[in-house]
Amino acid sequence: MTPAPLHHLEDDRLKYLNSFVVQPEVPTDDLDQLLDMACRLLGIPKGLISIVERDVVNFKSQYGFNLPPAPRNLSFCSHAIASDQDVFYIEDTRLHPYFKHHPYVKAEDPVIFYAGVPIMDSENLPLGTVCVIDNKPRKLSEEQKDSLKMISQLIMRQMQLRKDKLKLEKKQTVLKEKNDMLKNFAHVVSHDMKMPLANMIMTSDVIRQRYADKLDAAGVNYLADIKSAAFSMRDYIDNILTHYESEHMVFNTGDKFDIHTVLLNIEEMLGMRQDFIQFILPEENMEMQCDESVVEQILVNLVGNSLKYNHRESIRIQVTATECDKYYRISVIDNGIGIPEAKQKEVFKLFTTLNQADRSGKIGHGIGLSTVKILVDKLGGVIKCKSALNVGTTFTFTVAKHVGQS
């Protein structure tokens, strides 16, 4: 008997194998199905998908066997990956000069026929083999050998997909950890900053009142700027917290409400009952069943933006609402400054701004629409933007209806 040789690029092969984080002791359904296909297609009663480690051979899938890991130096699969053959093929091991005295050939349930194809990628670094085995002599046609090679390629693809999936899961874990750290940081910083900001606001008011007779117009303006900046920073902090908290909101899907009532509340909340603002409600009131507070928060952001980013003397904001069997559809249409086409797909990303001042001369923080996107996603819907510069913008979002809802 000749001990199994090593692959001629063994160090590179082992490094490549380790990149897969292979767990051979855990069989998987997809590989079991491929091995089952190989054995049935070739009409052979036994088969293995092996992973050749440094010292042992583990089996990711077994057909007709129930084997523990095997010593590598005794493994037929080690011979298969070390050979230069596409198919390592022995019709009758009892007649083979290297294997006729092998313990597996002399065993009670002997390995008489063996055909193995290395599982490898385009760089020819094999992970192991897919092999078919019988305890009597056999022959394979060229067509059968090609079938076994094809199944080996399919196994390699499955292994690569699993490797990519593990990489993605690892990246997602890292991203989640970083995101959690960022959220914790946001909470800590926000609470630590709110008190100094409140002091800035209060102090600027005190100085303006107590020293009014000693301040010129420029001094009063400086204090007003300090107070405005403090309010802006406070709003920024509040928006950051809202953004992160929205990812973990627990929604109440049992609320029943109508869209007109929500919009009238928003109209009053935003102080829109003024002559220069035309706020048009949907022609027909629409009954909804989902989380009312979330729908209201989405509309407050969208209608609020339509109000802020509009420099016309007459502001027009129209809301439409329709429904079908599976979802509600709501649009907010304005005649505001519009959004450049290149920015329309970016506006839902956190911290994306248009770098344009609103009606009060302030630049937005790029948080509101990213929060809206999260909330719409949580409601099982989608949101889209359609806009033209100096013409207006339409935001349309959907809300999924739940099973059993009329």
Protein backbone atom coordinates (compact mmCIF):
# COMPACT_ATOMS: atom_id res chain seq x y z
CA MET A 1 0.00 0.00 0.00
CA THR A 2 1.25 3.50 -0.90
CA PRO A 3 0.35 6.27 1.62
CA ALA A 4 -1.63 9.14 0.13
CA PRO A 5 0.63 11.88 -1.24
CA LEU A 6 0.23 15.61 -0.57
CA HIS A 7 -1.00 18.03 -3.18
CA HIS A 8 1.91 19.73 -4.97
CA LEU A 9 0.69 23.14 -3.65
CA GLU A 10 -0.36 21.84 -0.25
CA ASP A 11 0.31 25.02 1.76
CA ASP A 12 -1.66 27.15 -0.73
CA ARG A 13 -4.41 24.53 -0.80
CA LEU A 14 -4.79 24.49 3.00
CA LYS A 15 -4.82 28.29 3.11
CA TYR A 16 -7.51 28.30 0.44
CA LEU A 17 -9.49 25.64 2.31
CA ASN A 18 -9.32 27.65 5.56
CA SER A 19 -10.86 30.64 3.81
CA PHE A 20 -14.11 28.66 3.55
CA VAL A 21 -14.48 28.16 7.32
CA VAL A 22 -15.61 24.64 6.46
CA GLN A 23 -17.59 22.68 9.05
CA PRO A 24 -17.47 19.17 7.59
CA GLU A 25 -19.30 17.57 10.51
CA VAL A 26 -22.47 19.48 9.63
CA PRO A 27 -24.14 17.99 6.52
CA THR A 28 -26.26 20.27 4.42
CA ASP A 29 -29.36 19.58 2.37
CA ASP A 30 -28.06 21.13 -0.86
CA LEU A 31 -24.92 18.96 -0.89
CA ASP A 32 -26.89 15.87 0.14
CA GLN A 33 -29.13 16.40 -2.87
CA LEU A 34 -26.18 16.75 -5.24
CA LEU A 35 -24.55 13.58 -3.91
CA ASP A 36 -27.87 11.74 -4.15
CA MET A 37 -28.10 12.90 -7.78
CA ALA A 38 -24.59 11.65 -8.53
CA CYS A 39 -25.20 8.17 -7.10
CA ARG A 40 -28.60 7.77 -8.73
CA LEU A 41 -27.41 9.15 -12.07
CA LEU A 42 -24.49 6.71 -12.19
CA GLY A 43 -26.42 3.85 -10.59
CA ILE A 44 -23.82 3.40 -7.84
CA PRO A 45 -24.92 2.59 -4.26
CA LYS A 46 -22.42 4.66 -2.25
CA GLY A 47 -20.89 8.11 -2.39
CA LEU A 48 -19.10 10.80 -0.39
CA ILE A 49 -18.42 14.50 -0.52
CA SER A 50 -15.11 14.82 1.29
CA ILE A 51 -13.07 17.70 2.63
CA VAL A 52 -9.37 16.89 2.84
CA GLU A 53 -7.85 18.61 5.86
CA ARG A 54 -4.19 18.60 6.89
CA ASP A 55 -4.34 15.24 8.73
CA VAL A 56 -7.89 13.94 8.31
CA VAL A 57 -10.62 13.66 5.74
CA ASN A 58 -14.05 14.84 6.86
CA PHE A 59 -17.29 14.10 5.06
CA LYS A 60 -19.79 16.86 4.38
CA SER A 61 -22.27 14.45 2.82
CA GLN A 62 -22.59 10.65 2.77
CA TYR A 63 -24.76 8.35 0.66
CA GLY A 64 -24.88 4.71 1.74
CA PHE A 65 -22.30 5.36 4.47
CA ASN A 66 -22.16 6.50 8.07
CA LEU A 67 -18.43 7.12 8.46
CA PRO A 68 -16.42 9.05 11.04
CA PRO A 69 -13.52 11.26 9.85
CA ALA A 70 -10.78 9.15 8.24
CA PRO A 71 -6.97 9.39 8.49
CA ARG A 72 -5.71 11.32 5.52
CA ASN A 73 -2.81 8.95 4.79
CA LEU A 74 -5.31 6.14 4.13
CA SER A 75 -7.75 8.18 2.07
CA PHE A 76 -8.53 7.46 -1.56
CA CYS A 77 -9.72 11.09 -1.75
CA SER A 78 -6.21 12.31 -0.89
CA HIS A 79 -4.91 10.37 -3.88
CA ALA A 80 -7.64 11.94 -6.00
CA ILE A 81 -6.77 15.57 -5.14
CA ALA A 82 -3.01 14.93 -5.52
CA SER A 83 -3.38 13.38 -8.97
CA ASP A 84 -3.50 15.33 -12.20
CA GLN A 85 -6.55 13.41 -13.35
CA ASP A 86 -9.97 14.98 -13.90
CA VAL A 87 -11.45 11.72 -12.63
CA PHE A 88 -9.42 9.53 -10.28
CA TYR A 89 -10.82 6.18 -11.36
CA ILE A 90 -10.14 2.59 -10.25
CA GLU A 91 -12.32 -0.16 -11.72
CA ASP A 92 -11.03 -2.89 -9.36
CA THR A 93 -8.79 -1.96 -6.46
CA ARG A 94 -7.88 -5.66 -5.91
CA LEU A 95 -5.97 -5.57 -9.20
CA HIS A 96 -4.28 -2.20 -8.59
CA PRO A 97 -0.60 -2.42 -7.54
CA TYR A 98 -0.91 0.49 -5.06
CA PHE A 99 -4.25 -0.44 -3.47
CA LYS A 100 -4.58 -4.23 -3.52
CA HIS A 101 -3.20 -4.45 0.05
CA HIS A 102 -5.05 -1.36 1.32
CA PRO A 103 -7.02 -1.92 4.60
CA TYR A 104 -10.16 -0.49 3.01
CA VAL A 105 -9.84 -3.03 0.19
CA LYS A 106 -9.35 -5.85 2.70
CA ALA A 107 -12.24 -4.69 4.92
CA GLU A 108 -15.47 -6.60 5.49
CA ASP A 109 -17.32 -4.08 3.29
CA PRO A 110 -14.47 -3.44 0.84
CA VAL A 111 -13.80 -0.52 -1.47
CA ILE A 112 -13.48 -2.29 -4.81
CA PHE A 113 -14.59 0.45 -7.18
CA TYR A 114 -13.70 4.14 -6.68
CA ALA A 115 -14.22 7.19 -8.88
CA GLY A 116 -13.48 10.64 -7.43
CA VAL A 117 -13.48 14.13 -8.94
CA PRO A 118 -11.66 16.96 -7.13
CA ILE A 119 -13.83 19.87 -5.94
CA MET A 120 -11.82 22.88 -6.99
CA ASP A 121 -12.10 26.40 -8.31
CA SER A 122 -10.56 27.95 -11.42
CA GLU A 123 -7.13 28.10 -9.74
CA ASN A 124 -7.07 24.28 -9.36
CA LEU A 125 -6.78 24.28 -5.58
CA PRO A 126 -8.99 21.40 -4.42
CA LEU A 127 -11.06 21.37 -1.23
CA GLY A 128 -11.82 17.68 -1.45
CA THR A 129 -13.72 15.33 -3.76
CA VAL A 130 -17.09 14.03 -4.77
CA CYS A 131 -16.67 10.29 -5.15
CA VAL A 132 -18.79 7.20 -5.87
CA ILE A 133 -17.89 3.83 -4.39
CA ASP A 134 -18.96 0.20 -4.73
CA ASN A 135 -17.87 -3.14 -3.26
CA LYS A 136 -17.70 -4.72 -6.68
CA PRO A 137 -15.87 -3.84 -9.93
CA ARG A 138 -17.46 -1.25 -12.22
CA LYS A 139 -16.81 0.80 -15.32
CA LEU A 140 -17.88 4.35 -16.11
CA SER A 141 -18.60 5.66 -19.58
CA GLU A 142 -17.18 9.01 -20.66
CA GLU A 143 -20.68 10.45 -20.35
CA GLN A 144 -20.90 9.24 -16.74
CA LYS A 145 -17.49 10.71 -15.96
CA ASP A 146 -18.64 14.03 -17.43
CA SER A 147 -21.74 13.90 -15.21
CA LEU A 148 -19.59 13.39 -12.13
CA LYS A 149 -17.39 16.34 -13.14
CA MET A 150 -20.47 18.52 -13.65
CA ILE A 151 -21.74 17.65 -10.16
CA SER A 152 -18.31 18.50 -8.74
CA GLN A 153 -18.61 21.96 -10.31
CA LEU A 154 -22.08 22.41 -8.81
CA ILE A 155 -20.72 21.45 -5.37
CA MET A 156 -17.94 24.01 -5.78
CA ARG A 157 -20.52 26.69 -6.56
CA GLN A 158 -22.49 25.77 -3.45
CA MET A 159 -19.33 25.95 -1.36
CA GLN A 160 -18.51 29.37 -2.84
CA LEU A 161 -22.04 30.62 -2.17
CA ARG A 162 -21.75 29.48 1.44
CA LYS A 163 -18.38 31.21 1.75
CA ASP A 164 -19.84 34.44 0.36
CA LYS A 165 -22.81 34.14 2.71
CA LEU A 166 -20.50 33.76 5.72
CA LYS A 167 -18.52 36.81 4.61
CA LEU A 168 -21.72 38.81 4.24
CA GLU A 169 -22.96 37.70 7.67
CA LYS A 170 -19.64 38.68 9.20
CA LYS A 171 -19.81 42.11 7.57
CA GLN A 172 -23.39 42.52 8.76
CA THR A 173 -22.33 41.62 12.30
CA VAL A 174 -19.53 44.20 12.20
CA LEU A 175 -21.88 46.82 10.75
CA LYS A 176 -24.47 46.07 13.43
CA GLU A 177 -21.86 46.41 16.16
CA LYS A 178 -20.68 49.73 14.71
CA ASN A 179 -24.25 50.91 14.28
CA ASP A 180 -25.05 50.01 17.90
CA MET A 181 -21.95 51.90 19.02
CA LEU A 182 -23.00 54.90 16.95
CA LYS A 183 -26.52 54.82 18.42
CA ASN A 184 -25.15 54.62 21.94
CA PHE A 185 -22.78 57.47 21.15
CA ALA A 186 -25.67 59.51 19.74
CA HIS A 187 -27.71 58.99 22.89
CA VAL A 188 -24.84 59.87 25.22
CA VAL A 189 -23.75 62.91 23.23
CA SER A 190 -27.30 64.17 22.78
CA HIS A 191 -28.07 64.08 26.47
CA ASP A 192 -24.71 65.64 27.33
CA MET A 193 -25.22 68.43 24.78
CA LYS A 194 -28.83 69.32 25.42
CA MET A 195 -28.15 71.00 28.77
CA PRO A 196 -25.36 73.28 27.47
CA LEU A 197 -27.56 74.19 24.49
CA ALA A 198 -30.45 75.03 26.80
CA ASN A 199 -28.06 77.20 28.82
CA MET A 200 -26.93 78.98 25.64
CA ILE A 201 -30.52 79.75 24.68
CA MET A 202 -31.43 80.96 28.16
CA THR A 203 -28.22 82.97 28.56
CA SER A 204 -28.66 84.75 25.24
CA ASP A 205 -32.18 85.80 26.31
CA VAL A 206 -30.92 86.98 29.74
CA ILE A 207 -28.11 89.03 28.19
CA ARG A 208 -30.47 90.65 25.69
CA GLN A 209 -32.93 91.60 28.45
CA ARG A 210 -30.47 92.79 31.10
CA TYR A 211 -28.10 94.64 28.81
CA ALA A 212 -30.57 95.88 26.19
CA ASP A 213 -29.53 99.49 26.78
CA LYS A 214 -25.85 98.64 26.28
CA LEU A 215 -26.19 96.55 23.09
CA ASP A 216 -26.22 98.04 19.63
CA ALA A 217 -28.07 96.45 16.73
CA ALA A 218 -25.08 94.28 15.82
CA GLY A 219 -24.86 92.93 19.38
CA VAL A 220 -28.55 92.04 19.38
CA ASN A 221 -28.09 90.27 16.06
CA TYR A 222 -25.12 88.30 17.41
CA LEU A 223 -27.21 87.09 20.33
CA ALA A 224 -30.04 86.16 17.96
CA ASP A 225 -27.57 84.18 15.83
CA ILE A 226 -26.27 82.33 18.92
CA LYS A 227 -29.81 81.46 19.97
CA SER A 228 -30.76 80.35 16.43
CA ALA A 229 -27.64 78.16 16.17
CA ALA A 230 -28.45 76.56 19.54
CA PHE A 231 -32.00 75.81 18.44
CA SER A 232 -30.68 74.38 15.16
CA MET A 233 -28.25 72.10 17.02
CA ARG A 234 -31.01 70.98 19.39
CA ASP A 235 -33.23 70.09 16.41
CA TYR A 236 -30.32 68.25 14.82
CA ILE A 237 -29.82 66.16 17.96
CA ASP A 238 -33.54 65.43 18.24
CA ASN A 239 -33.64 64.35 14.60
CA ILE A 240 -30.65 62.03 15.05
CA LEU A 241 -32.35 60.35 18.01
CA THR A 242 -35.61 60.03 16.09
CA HIS A 243 -33.75 58.48 13.16
CA TYR A 244 -32.12 55.74 15.26
CA GLU A 245 -35.16 55.13 17.43
CA SER A 246 -37.33 54.69 14.33
CA GLU A 247 -35.37 51.54 13.44
CA HIS A 248 -36.62 49.84 16.60
CA MET A 249 -40.15 51.17 16.84
CA VAL A 250 -42.86 48.64 17.63
CA PHE A 251 -45.80 49.45 15.40
CA ASN A 252 -49.47 49.21 16.30
CA THR A 253 -51.22 47.68 13.27
CA GLY A 254 -54.66 47.85 14.89
CA ASP A 255 -55.20 51.64 14.68
CA LYS A 256 -58.23 52.67 12.62
CA PHE A 257 -58.32 56.26 11.45
CA ASP A 258 -59.06 58.45 8.44
CA ILE A 259 -56.57 60.44 6.43
CA HIS A 260 -58.51 63.71 6.60
CA THR A 261 -58.29 63.83 10.40
CA VAL A 262 -54.53 63.19 10.31
CA LEU A 263 -53.97 65.92 7.71
CA LEU A 264 -56.12 68.48 9.55
CA ASN A 265 -54.06 67.83 12.69
CA ILE A 266 -50.87 68.35 10.70
CA GLU A 267 -52.24 71.56 9.17
CA GLU A 268 -52.82 72.96 12.65
CA MET A 269 -49.54 71.59 14.02
CA LEU A 270 -47.48 73.26 11.27
CA GLY A 271 -49.41 76.54 11.41
CA MET A 272 -50.58 76.25 7.80
CA ARG A 273 -53.94 78.01 8.15
CA GLN A 274 -52.71 81.17 6.47
CA ASP A 275 -53.93 82.96 3.36
CA PHE A 276 -50.76 82.33 1.32
CA ILE A 277 -50.87 78.55 1.92
CA GLN A 278 -53.25 76.37 -0.08
CA PHE A 279 -53.43 72.95 1.58
CA ILE A 280 -55.56 70.54 -0.47
CA LEU A 281 -56.82 67.35 1.12
CA PRO A 282 -57.75 64.19 -0.83
CA GLU A 283 -61.11 64.50 -2.60
CA GLU A 284 -62.39 61.37 -0.84
CA ASN A 285 -61.56 60.58 2.75
CA MET A 286 -59.71 57.26 3.10
CA GLU A 287 -60.06 54.95 6.08
CA MET A 288 -56.78 53.30 7.12
CA GLN A 289 -55.78 50.54 9.51
CA CYS A 290 -52.12 50.70 10.54
CA ASP A 291 -50.04 52.71 12.99
CA GLU A 292 -51.58 56.20 12.96
CA SER A 293 -48.67 57.87 14.75
CA VAL A 294 -46.17 56.57 12.19
CA VAL A 295 -48.25 57.68 9.20
CA GLU A 296 -48.60 61.07 10.88
CA GLN A 297 -44.84 61.30 11.44
CA ILE A 298 -44.18 60.50 7.77
CA LEU A 299 -46.65 63.13 6.61
CA VAL A 300 -45.36 65.75 9.06
CA ASN A 301 -41.90 65.35 7.49
CA LEU A 302 -43.13 65.42 3.89
CA VAL A 303 -45.65 68.25 4.30
CA GLY A 304 -43.17 70.15 6.48
CA ASN A 305 -40.54 69.93 3.74
CA SER A 306 -43.06 71.09 1.14
CA LEU A 307 -43.75 74.09 3.34
CA LYS A 308 -40.12 74.91 4.16
CA TYR A 309 -38.55 74.42 0.73
CA ASN A 310 -40.87 76.77 -1.11
CA HIS A 311 -40.04 80.39 -1.86
CA ARG A 312 -43.21 81.27 -3.74
CA GLU A 313 -45.59 83.94 -2.50
CA SER A 314 -48.40 81.39 -2.80
CA ILE A 315 -47.60 77.89 -1.51
CA ARG A 316 -49.65 74.99 -2.83
CA ILE A 317 -49.50 71.56 -1.17
CA GLN A 318 -51.84 68.80 -2.29
CA VAL A 319 -52.25 65.37 -0.73
CA THR A 320 -53.86 62.47 -2.61
CA ALA A 321 -54.84 59.13 -1.11
CA THR A 322 -56.03 55.93 -2.78
CA GLU A 323 -56.10 52.24 -1.87
CA CYS A 324 -56.15 48.82 -3.49
CA ASP A 325 -56.42 45.28 -2.12
CA LYS A 326 -52.88 45.15 -0.74
CA TYR A 327 -51.80 48.68 0.13
CA TYR A 328 -52.64 52.36 0.65
CA ARG A 329 -50.98 54.96 -1.57
CA ILE A 330 -50.42 58.56 -0.45
CA SER A 331 -48.79 61.39 -2.41
CA VAL A 332 -47.65 64.83 -1.25
CA ILE A 333 -47.42 67.24 -4.20
CA ASP A 334 -46.01 70.77 -3.93
CA ASN A 335 -44.96 73.74 -6.07
CA GLY A 336 -41.67 74.25 -4.25
CA ILE A 337 -38.06 74.65 -5.31
CA GLY A 338 -37.76 71.06 -6.59
CA ILE A 339 -34.93 68.54 -6.34
CA PRO A 340 -32.21 68.09 -9.00
CA GLU A 341 -32.56 64.80 -10.88
CA ALA A 342 -29.11 63.63 -9.76
CA LYS A 343 -30.18 64.00 -6.12
CA GLN A 344 -33.61 62.37 -6.34
CA LYS A 345 -32.30 58.86 -5.61
CA GLU A 346 -29.96 60.10 -2.88
CA VAL A 347 -32.35 62.17 -0.74
CA PHE A 348 -33.36 59.17 1.39
CA LYS A 349 -29.78 58.55 2.52
CA LEU A 350 -28.74 59.83 5.93
CA PHE A 351 -27.10 63.30 5.92
CA THR A 352 -27.86 63.92 2.23
CA THR A 353 -28.85 67.56 1.73
CA LEU A 354 -29.56 69.80 -1.26
CA ASN A 355 -27.35 72.57 0.16
CA GLN A 356 -30.23 74.98 -0.38
CA ALA A 357 -31.68 77.24 2.27
CA ASP A 358 -35.28 76.77 3.27
CA ARG A 359 -37.91 79.52 3.57
CA SER A 360 -36.29 80.66 6.84
CA GLY A 361 -32.79 80.72 5.37
CA LYS A 362 -31.64 77.53 7.12
CA ILE A 363 -29.85 74.53 5.59
CA GLY A 364 -31.31 71.13 6.45
CA HIS A 365 -29.39 68.36 8.21
CA GLY A 366 -30.33 65.53 5.80
CA ILE A 367 -31.98 63.39 8.47
CA GLY A 368 -35.74 63.76 7.96
CA LEU A 369 -36.15 61.89 4.68
CA SER A 370 -33.86 59.06 5.77
CA THR A 371 -36.11 58.63 8.80
CA VAL A 372 -39.17 58.70 6.56
CA LYS A 373 -37.62 55.93 4.42
CA ILE A 374 -37.06 53.75 7.50
CA LEU A 375 -40.65 54.27 8.66
CA VAL A 376 -42.13 53.49 5.23
CA ASP A 377 -40.01 50.33 5.04
CA LYS A 378 -41.29 49.30 8.47
CA LEU A 379 -44.85 49.77 7.21
CA GLY A 380 -44.13 47.34 4.37
CA GLY A 381 -44.20 50.04 1.71
CA VAL A 382 -41.96 51.95 -0.68
CA ILE A 383 -41.36 55.65 -1.22
CA LYS A 384 -40.45 57.44 -4.44
CA CYS A 385 -39.58 60.97 -5.41
CA LYS A 386 -40.44 62.78 -8.64
CA SER A 387 -39.37 66.38 -9.01
CA ALA A 388 -38.53 69.24 -11.38
CA LEU A 389 -36.50 72.30 -10.42
CA ASN A 390 -38.59 75.41 -9.80
CA VAL A 391 -41.75 73.44 -10.61
CA GLY A 392 -42.29 71.22 -7.58
CA THR A 393 -41.88 67.81 -6.00
CA THR A 394 -44.08 64.75 -5.51
CA PHE A 395 -43.33 62.19 -2.81
CA THR A 396 -45.41 59.03 -3.10
CA PHE A 397 -45.36 56.29 -0.48
CA THR A 398 -47.32 53.11 0.13
CA VAL A 399 -48.40 51.32 3.29
CA ALA A 400 -49.06 47.59 3.19
CA LYS A 401 -52.41 46.30 4.38
CA HIS A 402 -52.26 43.36 6.74
CA VAL A 403 -53.81 39.93 6.17
CA GLY A 404 -57.49 39.93 7.04
CA GLN A 405 -57.78 43.69 6.61
CA SER A 406 -60.56 44.87 4.32
